[in-house]
């Protein structure tokens, strides 16, 4: 039996980022780039922020997958307004210091318009995928939120 000692490995701390993958259908798009989105990734960072990234079906223009990054309080307020808009099938708005989001109910889904400073991004999500999107945001918020002790 041949045994050799390995050098001491540095202790690696695992990343505290959680990534939630939301599967979409063929009726989800990102504008102004005109991209079809097959999946959304919600990444809950260790610094209490949530990043929304897209997985495109095609991307010859090499657009960045990042759609928006929000703080934990912004994500909590946004998902509350989104649930209200979807549950009651009504247009809604979320406003914070740096972010404005309009949520519009359409015949085939939902039109989300994210406005931050001089950048506007539109995300169209079908009616069949909106509840999966909401659930993904809630999971990302839950993993990014501080742990409350008993």
N, C-alpha and C. Protein backbone atom coordinates (compact mmCIF):
# COMPACT_ATOMS: atom_id res chain seq x y z
N UNK A 1 0.84 -1.16 0.00
CA UNK A 1 0.00 0.00 0.00
C UNK A 1 0.90 1.24 0.00
N UNK A 2 0.65 2.14 -0.90
CA UNK A 2 1.44 3.35 -1.04
C UNK A 2 0.62 4.53 -0.51
N UNK A 3 1.10 5.16 0.53
CA UNK A 3 0.41 6.29 1.14
C UNK A 3 1.32 7.50 1.06
N UNK A 4 0.79 8.59 0.57
CA UNK A 4 1.57 9.83 0.55
C UNK A 4 0.77 10.92 1.22
N UNK A 5 1.46 11.78 1.90
CA UNK A 5 0.81 12.88 2.60
C UNK A 5 0.60 14.04 1.63
N UNK A 6 -0.56 14.61 1.71
CA UNK A 6 -0.86 15.79 0.91
C UNK A 6 -0.53 17.04 1.71
N UNK A 7 -0.14 18.11 1.04
CA UNK A 7 0.12 19.34 1.79
C UNK A 7 -1.17 19.84 2.44
N UNK A 8 -1.00 20.58 3.52
CA UNK A 8 -2.17 21.12 4.22
C UNK A 8 -2.96 22.03 3.28
N UNK A 9 -4.19 21.73 3.16
CA UNK A 9 -5.05 22.55 2.32
C UNK A 9 -5.62 23.69 3.16
N UNK A 10 -5.74 24.84 2.53
CA UNK A 10 -6.35 25.96 3.22
C UNK A 10 -7.83 25.67 3.42
N UNK A 11 -8.32 26.11 4.53
CA UNK A 11 -9.74 25.91 4.80
C UNK A 11 -10.52 26.88 3.93
N UNK A 12 -11.38 26.33 3.12
CA UNK A 12 -12.18 27.14 2.21
C UNK A 12 -13.55 27.33 2.82
N UNK A 13 -13.95 28.57 2.96
CA UNK A 13 -15.28 28.83 3.48
C UNK A 13 -16.26 28.77 2.31
N UNK A 14 -17.32 28.01 2.45
CA UNK A 14 -18.26 27.91 1.34
C UNK A 14 -18.98 29.23 1.10
N UNK A 15 -19.30 29.46 -0.14
CA UNK A 15 -20.03 30.67 -0.51
C UNK A 15 -21.43 30.63 0.07
N UNK A 16 -21.88 31.74 0.60
CA UNK A 16 -23.21 31.80 1.20
C UNK A 16 -24.26 32.21 0.18
N UNK A 17 -23.89 32.26 -1.08
CA UNK A 17 -24.85 32.63 -2.10
C UNK A 17 -25.72 31.45 -2.47
N UNK A 18 -27.00 31.70 -2.54
CA UNK A 18 -27.95 30.70 -2.96
C UNK A 18 -28.49 31.14 -4.32
N UNK A 19 -28.57 30.21 -5.24
CA UNK A 19 -29.09 30.51 -6.56
C UNK A 19 -30.38 29.72 -6.76
N UNK A 20 -31.45 30.42 -7.09
CA UNK A 20 -32.75 29.80 -7.33
C UNK A 20 -33.04 29.90 -8.82
N UNK A 21 -33.25 28.77 -9.45
CA UNK A 21 -33.53 28.73 -10.89
C UNK A 21 -35.03 28.65 -11.10
N UNK A 22 -35.57 29.57 -11.90
CA UNK A 22 -37.00 29.60 -12.21
C UNK A 22 -37.16 29.27 -13.68
N UNK A 23 -37.83 28.18 -13.95
CA UNK A 23 -38.06 27.77 -15.34
C UNK A 23 -39.24 28.55 -15.91
N UNK A 24 -39.04 29.12 -17.08
CA UNK A 24 -40.08 29.90 -17.75
C UNK A 24 -40.58 29.13 -18.96
N UNK A 25 -41.52 29.72 -19.67
CA UNK A 25 -42.01 29.08 -20.89
C UNK A 25 -41.66 29.94 -22.11
N UNK A 26 -42.25 29.63 -23.24
CA UNK A 26 -41.88 30.31 -24.49
C UNK A 26 -42.45 31.73 -24.59
N UNK A 27 -43.15 32.21 -23.59
CA UNK A 27 -43.76 33.54 -23.66
C UNK A 27 -43.14 34.51 -22.66
N UNK A 28 -41.83 34.44 -22.47
CA UNK A 28 -41.13 35.34 -21.54
C UNK A 28 -40.00 36.05 -22.29
N UNK A 29 -39.98 37.38 -22.20
CA UNK A 29 -39.07 38.18 -23.00
C UNK A 29 -38.46 39.32 -22.19
N UNK A 30 -37.31 39.80 -22.65
CA UNK A 30 -36.63 40.93 -22.04
C UNK A 30 -36.44 42.00 -23.11
N UNK A 31 -36.86 43.23 -22.80
CA UNK A 31 -36.70 44.37 -23.70
C UNK A 31 -35.96 45.46 -22.96
N UNK A 32 -35.23 46.33 -23.58
CA UNK A 32 -35.26 46.71 -24.98
C UNK A 32 -34.42 45.83 -25.89
N UNK A 33 -33.76 44.80 -25.37
CA UNK A 33 -32.88 43.97 -26.18
C UNK A 33 -33.61 42.98 -27.07
N UNK A 34 -34.86 42.67 -26.77
CA UNK A 34 -35.62 41.71 -27.57
C UNK A 34 -35.08 40.30 -27.44
N UNK A 35 -34.89 39.85 -26.21
CA UNK A 35 -34.34 38.51 -25.96
C UNK A 35 -35.42 37.60 -25.40
N UNK A 36 -35.41 36.34 -25.85
CA UNK A 36 -36.28 35.33 -25.25
C UNK A 36 -35.56 34.78 -24.03
N UNK A 37 -36.28 34.64 -22.92
CA UNK A 37 -35.69 34.14 -21.68
C UNK A 37 -36.23 32.75 -21.41
N UNK A 38 -35.32 31.79 -21.22
CA UNK A 38 -35.77 30.43 -20.92
C UNK A 38 -35.78 30.16 -19.41
N UNK A 39 -34.89 30.82 -18.66
CA UNK A 39 -34.82 30.66 -17.22
C UNK A 39 -34.44 31.99 -16.58
N UNK A 40 -34.82 32.15 -15.33
CA UNK A 40 -34.35 33.27 -14.52
C UNK A 40 -33.59 32.69 -13.34
N UNK A 41 -32.51 33.35 -12.96
CA UNK A 41 -31.75 32.97 -11.78
C UNK A 41 -31.86 34.09 -10.77
N UNK A 42 -32.26 33.74 -9.57
CA UNK A 42 -32.30 34.69 -8.46
C UNK A 42 -31.18 34.30 -7.52
N UNK A 43 -30.19 35.18 -7.40
CA UNK A 43 -29.01 34.89 -6.59
C UNK A 43 -29.08 35.74 -5.34
N UNK A 44 -29.16 35.07 -4.18
CA UNK A 44 -29.19 35.76 -2.90
C UNK A 44 -27.76 35.86 -2.39
N UNK A 45 -27.24 37.07 -2.37
CA UNK A 45 -25.86 37.28 -1.97
C UNK A 45 -25.69 37.34 -0.46
N UNK A 46 -24.45 37.20 -0.03
CA UNK A 46 -24.16 37.24 1.40
C UNK A 46 -24.24 38.65 1.96
N UNK A 47 -24.24 39.65 1.10
CA UNK A 47 -24.34 41.04 1.55
C UNK A 47 -25.78 41.55 1.51
N UNK A 48 -26.74 40.63 1.66
CA UNK A 48 -28.17 40.92 1.76
C UNK A 48 -28.70 41.68 0.53
N UNK A 49 -28.33 41.19 -0.64
CA UNK A 49 -28.89 41.71 -1.88
C UNK A 49 -29.35 40.53 -2.72
N UNK A 50 -30.19 40.80 -3.69
CA UNK A 50 -30.70 39.77 -4.58
C UNK A 50 -30.48 40.23 -6.01
N UNK A 51 -29.88 39.35 -6.80
CA UNK A 51 -29.59 39.66 -8.19
C UNK A 51 -30.50 38.81 -9.07
N UNK A 52 -31.12 39.45 -10.05
CA UNK A 52 -31.97 38.76 -11.01
C UNK A 52 -31.19 38.66 -12.32
N UNK A 53 -30.94 37.41 -12.76
CA UNK A 53 -30.20 37.18 -14.00
C UNK A 53 -31.03 36.32 -14.93
N UNK A 54 -30.81 36.48 -16.23
CA UNK A 54 -31.57 35.76 -17.25
C UNK A 54 -30.68 34.74 -17.95
N UNK A 55 -31.29 33.66 -18.37
CA UNK A 55 -30.65 32.69 -19.26
C UNK A 55 -31.38 32.83 -20.58
N UNK A 56 -30.65 33.31 -21.59
CA UNK A 56 -31.25 33.61 -22.89
C UNK A 56 -31.22 32.38 -23.80
N UNK A 57 -32.23 32.28 -24.66
CA UNK A 57 -32.24 31.23 -25.68
C UNK A 57 -31.21 31.54 -26.77
N UNK A 58 -30.97 32.81 -27.01
CA UNK A 58 -29.97 33.26 -27.98
C UNK A 58 -29.39 34.56 -27.46
N UNK A 59 -28.12 34.80 -27.75
CA UNK A 59 -27.48 36.02 -27.25
C UNK A 59 -26.25 36.36 -28.09
N UNK A 60 -26.44 36.57 -29.37
CA UNK A 60 -25.34 36.92 -30.26
C UNK A 60 -24.75 38.29 -29.94
N UNK A 61 -25.53 39.16 -29.33
CA UNK A 61 -25.04 40.50 -28.99
C UNK A 61 -24.27 40.52 -27.68
N UNK A 62 -24.18 39.39 -27.01
CA UNK A 62 -23.44 39.24 -25.75
C UNK A 62 -23.94 40.17 -24.65
N UNK A 63 -25.25 40.29 -24.55
CA UNK A 63 -25.83 41.11 -23.48
C UNK A 63 -25.54 40.46 -22.14
N UNK A 64 -25.27 41.27 -21.14
CA UNK A 64 -25.04 40.76 -19.79
C UNK A 64 -26.30 40.08 -19.28
N UNK A 65 -26.17 38.96 -18.58
CA UNK A 65 -27.36 38.28 -18.07
C UNK A 65 -28.04 39.01 -16.91
N UNK A 66 -27.33 39.93 -16.28
CA UNK A 66 -27.89 40.63 -15.12
C UNK A 66 -29.02 41.57 -15.55
N UNK A 67 -30.18 41.37 -14.95
CA UNK A 67 -31.32 42.24 -15.22
C UNK A 67 -31.36 43.37 -14.20
N UNK A 68 -31.30 43.00 -12.93
CA UNK A 68 -31.36 44.01 -11.88
C UNK A 68 -30.79 43.44 -10.59
N UNK A 69 -30.28 44.32 -9.75
CA UNK A 69 -29.82 43.94 -8.42
C UNK A 69 -30.55 44.84 -7.43
N UNK A 70 -31.14 44.22 -6.41
CA UNK A 70 -31.92 44.97 -5.43
C UNK A 70 -31.46 44.59 -4.02
N UNK A 71 -31.68 45.51 -3.10
CA UNK A 71 -31.39 45.23 -1.70
C UNK A 71 -32.52 44.37 -1.13
N UNK A 72 -32.30 43.82 0.04
CA UNK A 72 -33.30 42.98 0.68
C UNK A 72 -34.61 43.72 0.93
N UNK A 73 -34.59 44.95 1.50
CA UNK A 73 -35.86 45.66 1.69
C UNK A 73 -36.58 45.98 0.38
N UNK A 74 -35.81 46.28 -0.67
CA UNK A 74 -36.44 46.53 -1.98
C UNK A 74 -37.09 45.27 -2.51
N UNK A 75 -36.42 44.13 -2.37
CA UNK A 75 -36.98 42.85 -2.83
C UNK A 75 -38.25 42.50 -2.07
N UNK A 76 -38.25 42.75 -0.77
CA UNK A 76 -39.44 42.45 0.04
C UNK A 76 -40.62 43.32 -0.37
N UNK A 77 -40.39 44.60 -0.59
CA UNK A 77 -41.47 45.49 -1.02
C UNK A 77 -41.96 45.15 -2.42
N UNK A 78 -41.02 44.83 -3.31
CA UNK A 78 -41.39 44.48 -4.68
C UNK A 78 -42.23 43.22 -4.74
N UNK A 79 -41.82 42.16 -4.03
CA UNK A 79 -42.57 40.91 -4.11
C UNK A 79 -43.96 41.07 -3.49
N UNK A 80 -44.08 41.92 -2.48
CA UNK A 80 -45.41 42.18 -1.89
C UNK A 80 -46.33 42.82 -2.92
N UNK A 81 -45.84 43.81 -3.63
CA UNK A 81 -46.64 44.46 -4.67
C UNK A 81 -46.93 43.52 -5.83
N UNK A 82 -45.96 42.66 -6.17
CA UNK A 82 -46.17 41.70 -7.25
C UNK A 82 -47.25 40.69 -6.89
N UNK A 83 -47.23 40.19 -5.67
CA UNK A 83 -48.28 39.26 -5.23
C UNK A 83 -49.64 39.94 -5.29
N UNK A 84 -49.73 41.18 -4.83
CA UNK A 84 -51.01 41.92 -4.91
C UNK A 84 -51.48 42.06 -6.34
N UNK A 85 -50.56 42.42 -7.23
CA UNK A 85 -50.92 42.63 -8.64
C UNK A 85 -51.41 41.33 -9.28
N UNK A 86 -50.74 40.23 -8.99
CA UNK A 86 -51.11 38.95 -9.61
C UNK A 86 -52.38 38.41 -8.96
N UNK A 87 -52.44 38.45 -7.65
CA UNK A 87 -53.59 37.88 -6.94
C UNK A 87 -54.89 38.61 -7.28
N UNK A 88 -54.83 39.93 -7.36
CA UNK A 88 -56.03 40.72 -7.64
C UNK A 88 -56.16 41.11 -9.11
N UNK A 89 -55.22 40.69 -9.96
CA UNK A 89 -55.23 40.99 -11.39
C UNK A 89 -55.40 42.49 -11.63
N UNK A 90 -54.54 43.28 -11.00
CA UNK A 90 -54.60 44.73 -11.16
C UNK A 90 -53.20 45.31 -11.32
N UNK A 91 -53.12 46.43 -11.96
CA UNK A 91 -51.86 47.13 -12.13
C UNK A 91 -51.37 47.63 -10.78
N UNK A 92 -50.06 47.55 -10.57
CA UNK A 92 -49.49 47.98 -9.30
C UNK A 92 -48.13 48.62 -9.54
N UNK A 93 -47.66 49.34 -8.52
CA UNK A 93 -46.37 50.03 -8.61
C UNK A 93 -45.60 49.80 -7.33
N UNK A 94 -44.27 49.70 -7.48
CA UNK A 94 -43.39 49.67 -6.32
C UNK A 94 -42.38 50.79 -6.49
N UNK A 95 -42.25 51.61 -5.44
CA UNK A 95 -41.32 52.73 -5.48
C UNK A 95 -40.40 52.67 -4.28
N UNK A 96 -39.11 52.83 -4.53
CA UNK A 96 -38.13 52.97 -3.44
C UNK A 96 -37.26 54.17 -3.78
N UNK A 97 -36.25 54.41 -2.98
CA UNK A 97 -35.37 55.56 -3.22
C UNK A 97 -34.68 55.53 -4.56
N UNK A 98 -34.28 54.34 -5.01
CA UNK A 98 -33.50 54.25 -6.26
C UNK A 98 -34.19 53.43 -7.34
N UNK A 99 -35.30 52.81 -7.04
CA UNK A 99 -35.93 51.88 -7.98
C UNK A 99 -37.42 52.16 -8.09
N UNK A 100 -37.90 52.12 -9.34
CA UNK A 100 -39.34 52.19 -9.61
C UNK A 100 -39.71 51.00 -10.47
N UNK A 101 -40.78 50.31 -10.09
CA UNK A 101 -41.23 49.15 -10.84
C UNK A 101 -42.72 49.31 -11.10
N UNK A 102 -43.11 49.17 -12.36
CA UNK A 102 -44.53 49.12 -12.68
C UNK A 102 -44.88 47.69 -13.08
N UNK A 103 -46.00 47.21 -12.56
CA UNK A 103 -46.46 45.85 -12.81
C UNK A 103 -47.81 45.98 -13.50
N UNK A 104 -47.87 45.58 -14.75
CA UNK A 104 -49.08 45.71 -15.54
C UNK A 104 -49.61 44.33 -15.91
N UNK A 105 -50.90 44.14 -15.67
CA UNK A 105 -51.55 42.88 -16.03
C UNK A 105 -51.94 42.95 -17.50
N UNK A 106 -51.55 41.93 -18.26
CA UNK A 106 -51.90 41.84 -19.68
C UNK A 106 -52.70 40.58 -19.93
N UNK A 107 -53.24 40.45 -21.11
CA UNK A 107 -54.08 39.30 -21.42
C UNK A 107 -53.33 37.98 -21.31
N UNK A 108 -52.06 37.96 -21.71
CA UNK A 108 -51.29 36.71 -21.71
C UNK A 108 -50.23 36.63 -20.62
N UNK A 109 -50.19 37.60 -19.72
CA UNK A 109 -49.17 37.56 -18.69
C UNK A 109 -49.00 38.89 -17.99
N UNK A 110 -47.76 39.20 -17.64
CA UNK A 110 -47.45 40.38 -16.83
C UNK A 110 -46.28 41.13 -17.43
N UNK A 111 -46.39 42.44 -17.40
CA UNK A 111 -45.35 43.33 -17.93
C UNK A 111 -44.72 44.04 -16.74
N UNK A 112 -43.46 43.73 -16.46
CA UNK A 112 -42.73 44.36 -15.36
C UNK A 112 -41.73 45.34 -15.96
N UNK A 113 -41.80 46.58 -15.53
CA UNK A 113 -40.88 47.59 -16.03
C UNK A 113 -40.05 48.12 -14.87
N UNK A 114 -38.74 47.83 -14.91
CA UNK A 114 -37.80 48.25 -13.87
C UNK A 114 -37.13 49.53 -14.33
N UNK A 115 -37.23 50.60 -13.53
CA UNK A 115 -36.62 51.89 -13.87
C UNK A 115 -35.69 52.30 -12.75
N UNK A 116 -34.42 52.45 -13.09
CA UNK A 116 -33.41 52.87 -12.12
C UNK A 116 -32.54 53.91 -12.81
N UNK A 117 -32.52 55.13 -12.26
CA UNK A 117 -31.77 56.25 -12.83
C UNK A 117 -32.16 56.43 -14.31
N UNK A 118 -31.23 56.22 -15.23
CA UNK A 118 -31.52 56.41 -16.65
C UNK A 118 -31.69 55.09 -17.38
N UNK A 119 -31.83 53.98 -16.66
CA UNK A 119 -31.94 52.67 -17.28
C UNK A 119 -33.35 52.11 -17.07
N UNK A 120 -33.96 51.65 -18.16
CA UNK A 120 -35.27 51.01 -18.10
C UNK A 120 -35.17 49.64 -18.73
N UNK A 121 -35.65 48.64 -18.01
CA UNK A 121 -35.65 47.27 -18.50
C UNK A 121 -37.05 46.71 -18.35
N UNK A 122 -37.54 46.07 -19.41
CA UNK A 122 -38.88 45.49 -19.39
C UNK A 122 -38.78 43.97 -19.41
N UNK A 123 -39.54 43.34 -18.54
CA UNK A 123 -39.58 41.89 -18.45
C UNK A 123 -41.03 41.46 -18.62
N UNK A 124 -41.28 40.64 -19.64
CA UNK A 124 -42.62 40.11 -19.87
C UNK A 124 -42.64 38.65 -19.46
N UNK A 125 -43.51 38.31 -18.53
CA UNK A 125 -43.61 36.95 -18.00
C UNK A 125 -45.02 36.45 -18.24
N UNK A 126 -45.12 35.23 -18.74
CA UNK A 126 -46.43 34.66 -19.04
C UNK A 126 -47.21 34.37 -17.76
N UNK A 127 -48.52 34.25 -17.91
CA UNK A 127 -49.39 33.95 -16.77
C UNK A 127 -49.05 32.61 -16.15
N UNK A 128 -48.57 31.67 -16.95
CA UNK A 128 -48.23 30.35 -16.43
C UNK A 128 -46.96 30.31 -15.61
N UNK A 129 -46.09 31.30 -15.76
CA UNK A 129 -44.80 31.29 -15.07
C UNK A 129 -44.70 32.28 -13.93
N UNK A 130 -45.69 33.13 -13.76
CA UNK A 130 -45.56 34.22 -12.78
C UNK A 130 -45.50 33.71 -11.34
N UNK A 131 -46.27 32.67 -11.02
CA UNK A 131 -46.24 32.16 -9.64
C UNK A 131 -44.92 31.47 -9.33
N UNK A 132 -44.29 30.83 -10.32
CA UNK A 132 -42.95 30.27 -10.11
C UNK A 132 -41.93 31.38 -9.86
N UNK A 133 -42.08 32.49 -10.58
CA UNK A 133 -41.21 33.64 -10.39
C UNK A 133 -41.37 34.21 -8.98
N UNK A 134 -42.60 34.35 -8.53
CA UNK A 134 -42.86 34.87 -7.17
C UNK A 134 -42.25 33.93 -6.13
N UNK A 135 -42.47 32.63 -6.29
CA UNK A 135 -41.92 31.67 -5.34
C UNK A 135 -40.40 31.74 -5.30
N UNK A 136 -39.76 31.90 -6.46
CA UNK A 136 -38.31 32.04 -6.51
C UNK A 136 -37.82 33.26 -5.76
N UNK A 137 -38.51 34.38 -5.92
CA UNK A 137 -38.13 35.60 -5.20
C UNK A 137 -38.27 35.38 -3.70
N UNK A 138 -39.35 34.76 -3.28
CA UNK A 138 -39.56 34.51 -1.85
C UNK A 138 -38.49 33.60 -1.26
N UNK A 139 -38.07 32.59 -2.02
CA UNK A 139 -37.00 31.71 -1.55
C UNK A 139 -35.68 32.48 -1.42
N UNK A 140 -35.39 33.34 -2.42
CA UNK A 140 -34.16 34.14 -2.37
C UNK A 140 -34.19 35.13 -1.21
N UNK A 141 -35.34 35.73 -0.95
CA UNK A 141 -35.47 36.64 0.20
C UNK A 141 -35.26 35.89 1.50
N UNK A 142 -35.86 34.72 1.60
CA UNK A 142 -35.76 33.94 2.83
C UNK A 142 -34.31 33.54 3.12
N UNK A 143 -33.55 33.20 2.08
CA UNK A 143 -32.17 32.79 2.32
C UNK A 143 -31.26 33.99 2.55
N UNK A 144 -31.65 35.16 2.10
CA UNK A 144 -30.82 36.35 2.27
C UNK A 144 -31.15 37.10 3.56
N UNK A 145 -32.33 36.85 4.11
CA UNK A 145 -32.76 37.56 5.31
C UNK A 145 -31.95 37.09 6.52
N UNK A 146 -31.77 37.96 7.48
CA UNK A 146 -31.04 37.56 8.69
C UNK A 146 -31.84 36.51 9.46
N UNK A 147 -31.12 35.66 10.16
CA UNK A 147 -31.76 34.61 10.96
C UNK A 147 -32.26 35.22 12.25
N UNK A 148 -33.52 34.98 12.54
CA UNK A 148 -34.12 35.49 13.78
C UNK A 148 -34.04 34.39 14.82
N UNK A 149 -33.48 34.72 15.97
CA UNK A 149 -33.37 33.71 17.02
C UNK A 149 -34.64 33.64 17.83
N UNK A 150 -34.84 32.50 18.46
CA UNK A 150 -36.06 32.30 19.28
C UNK A 150 -35.91 32.94 20.63
